[in-house]
Amino acid sequence: MLTRLKVSGFKNLVDVDVRFGPFTCVAGANGVGKSNLFDAIKFLS
């Protein structure tokens, strides 16, 4: 299970450190990088 993701310099994610729990909600305004966060996870798989 993915518990933590650190991203630096991937698309518009400059310096991101996310810790995932049993249920993690990703929310935000348009253009802030929500989809890019999931693209980074997909890139690693």
N, C-alpha and C. Protein backbone atom coordinates (compact mmCIF):
# COMPACT_ATOMS: atom_id res chain seq x y z
N MET A 1 0.85 -1.17 0.00
CA MET A 1 0.00 0.00 0.00
C MET A 1 0.90 1.24 0.00
N LEU A 2 0.52 2.21 -0.79
CA LEU A 2 1.24 3.47 -0.84
C LEU A 2 0.92 4.29 0.40
N THR A 3 1.94 4.66 1.16
CA THR A 3 1.71 5.42 2.39
C THR A 3 2.27 6.83 2.31
N ARG A 4 3.24 7.07 1.42
CA ARG A 4 3.84 8.39 1.31
C ARG A 4 4.35 8.61 -0.11
N LEU A 5 4.24 9.83 -0.58
CA LEU A 5 4.74 10.19 -1.91
C LEU A 5 5.41 11.55 -1.82
N LYS A 6 6.68 11.61 -2.21
CA LYS A 6 7.41 12.88 -2.29
C LYS A 6 7.69 13.15 -3.76
N VAL A 7 7.31 14.33 -4.22
CA VAL A 7 7.48 14.69 -5.62
C VAL A 7 8.17 16.04 -5.69
N SER A 8 9.16 16.14 -6.55
CA SER A 8 9.85 17.42 -6.76
C SER A 8 10.13 17.58 -8.24
N GLY A 9 9.54 18.60 -8.85
CA GLY A 9 9.82 18.90 -10.25
C GLY A 9 9.10 18.02 -11.25
N PHE A 10 7.94 17.50 -10.92
CA PHE A 10 7.14 16.72 -11.87
C PHE A 10 5.94 17.57 -12.28
N LYS A 11 5.91 17.95 -13.56
CA LYS A 11 4.88 18.84 -14.09
C LYS A 11 4.81 20.10 -13.22
N ASN A 12 3.67 20.41 -12.62
CA ASN A 12 3.59 21.63 -11.80
C ASN A 12 3.76 21.34 -10.31
N LEU A 13 4.18 20.12 -9.96
CA LEU A 13 4.40 19.76 -8.56
C LEU A 13 5.85 20.09 -8.20
N VAL A 14 6.06 21.20 -7.52
CA VAL A 14 7.41 21.69 -7.24
C VAL A 14 8.03 20.94 -6.08
N ASP A 15 7.38 20.93 -4.93
CA ASP A 15 7.90 20.25 -3.75
C ASP A 15 6.70 19.75 -2.94
N VAL A 16 6.29 18.51 -3.20
CA VAL A 16 5.07 17.95 -2.60
C VAL A 16 5.44 16.73 -1.78
N ASP A 17 4.91 16.66 -0.58
CA ASP A 17 5.09 15.51 0.31
C ASP A 17 3.72 15.14 0.86
N VAL A 18 3.18 14.01 0.40
CA VAL A 18 1.83 13.59 0.78
C VAL A 18 1.92 12.28 1.55
N ARG A 19 1.27 12.23 2.68
CA ARG A 19 1.16 10.99 3.46
C ARG A 19 -0.27 10.49 3.30
N PHE A 20 -0.40 9.24 2.86
CA PHE A 20 -1.70 8.65 2.61
C PHE A 20 -2.13 7.81 3.80
N GLY A 21 -3.39 7.92 4.18
CA GLY A 21 -3.97 7.10 5.23
C GLY A 21 -4.91 6.09 4.62
N PRO A 22 -5.71 5.42 5.44
CA PRO A 22 -6.68 4.46 4.91
C PRO A 22 -7.67 5.12 3.95
N PHE A 23 -7.97 6.40 4.19
CA PHE A 23 -8.85 7.16 3.30
C PHE A 23 -8.25 8.55 3.15
N THR A 24 -7.86 8.89 1.94
CA THR A 24 -7.27 10.20 1.67
C THR A 24 -8.06 10.88 0.58
N CYS A 25 -8.50 12.10 0.84
CA CYS A 25 -9.25 12.90 -0.12
C CYS A 25 -8.32 13.94 -0.72
N VAL A 26 -8.28 14.01 -2.04
CA VAL A 26 -7.48 15.02 -2.73
C VAL A 26 -8.46 16.02 -3.32
N ALA A 27 -8.41 17.25 -2.83
CA ALA A 27 -9.34 18.29 -3.28
C ALA A 27 -8.60 19.59 -3.48
N GLY A 28 -9.11 20.41 -4.37
CA GLY A 28 -8.51 21.72 -4.61
C GLY A 28 -9.12 22.38 -5.82
N ALA A 29 -8.73 23.60 -6.04
CA ALA A 29 -9.24 24.36 -7.18
C ALA A 29 -8.67 23.82 -8.50
N ASN A 30 -9.20 24.30 -9.60
CA ASN A 30 -8.71 23.91 -10.92
C ASN A 30 -7.27 24.38 -11.11
N GLY A 31 -6.45 23.52 -11.71
CA GLY A 31 -5.09 23.90 -12.07
C GLY A 31 -4.07 23.87 -10.96
N VAL A 32 -4.37 23.22 -9.83
CA VAL A 32 -3.40 23.19 -8.73
C VAL A 32 -2.58 21.90 -8.69
N GLY A 33 -2.91 20.90 -9.52
CA GLY A 33 -2.08 19.71 -9.61
C GLY A 33 -2.68 18.42 -9.09
N LYS A 34 -3.99 18.37 -8.90
CA LYS A 34 -4.61 17.12 -8.41
C LYS A 34 -4.37 15.98 -9.39
N SER A 35 -4.63 16.21 -10.65
CA SER A 35 -4.41 15.16 -11.66
C SER A 35 -2.93 14.83 -11.80
N ASN A 36 -2.07 15.83 -11.68
CA ASN A 36 -0.63 15.58 -11.78
C ASN A 36 -0.13 14.72 -10.63
N LEU A 37 -0.76 14.82 -9.47
CA LEU A 37 -0.41 13.95 -8.36
C LEU A 37 -0.67 12.49 -8.73
N PHE A 38 -1.81 12.23 -9.33
CA PHE A 38 -2.13 10.87 -9.75
C PHE A 38 -1.29 10.44 -10.95
N ASP A 39 -0.91 11.38 -11.81
CA ASP A 39 0.01 11.06 -12.91
C ASP A 39 1.37 10.63 -12.37
N ALA A 40 1.82 11.25 -11.29
CA ALA A 40 3.09 10.87 -10.67
C ALA A 40 3.02 9.45 -10.12
N ILE A 41 1.90 9.10 -9.50
CA ILE A 41 1.72 7.74 -8.99
C ILE A 41 1.72 6.75 -10.15
N LYS A 42 1.01 7.09 -11.22
CA LYS A 42 0.95 6.22 -12.39
C LYS A 42 2.33 6.08 -13.04
N PHE A 43 3.11 7.14 -13.05
CA PHE A 43 4.45 7.13 -13.62
C PHE A 43 5.35 6.14 -12.87
N LEU A 44 5.16 6.00 -11.56
CA LEU A 44 5.98 5.10 -10.76
C LEU A 44 5.60 3.63 -10.93
N SER A 45 4.37 3.37 -11.36
CA SER A 45 3.91 1.97 -11.44
C SER A 45 4.38 1.27 -12.70
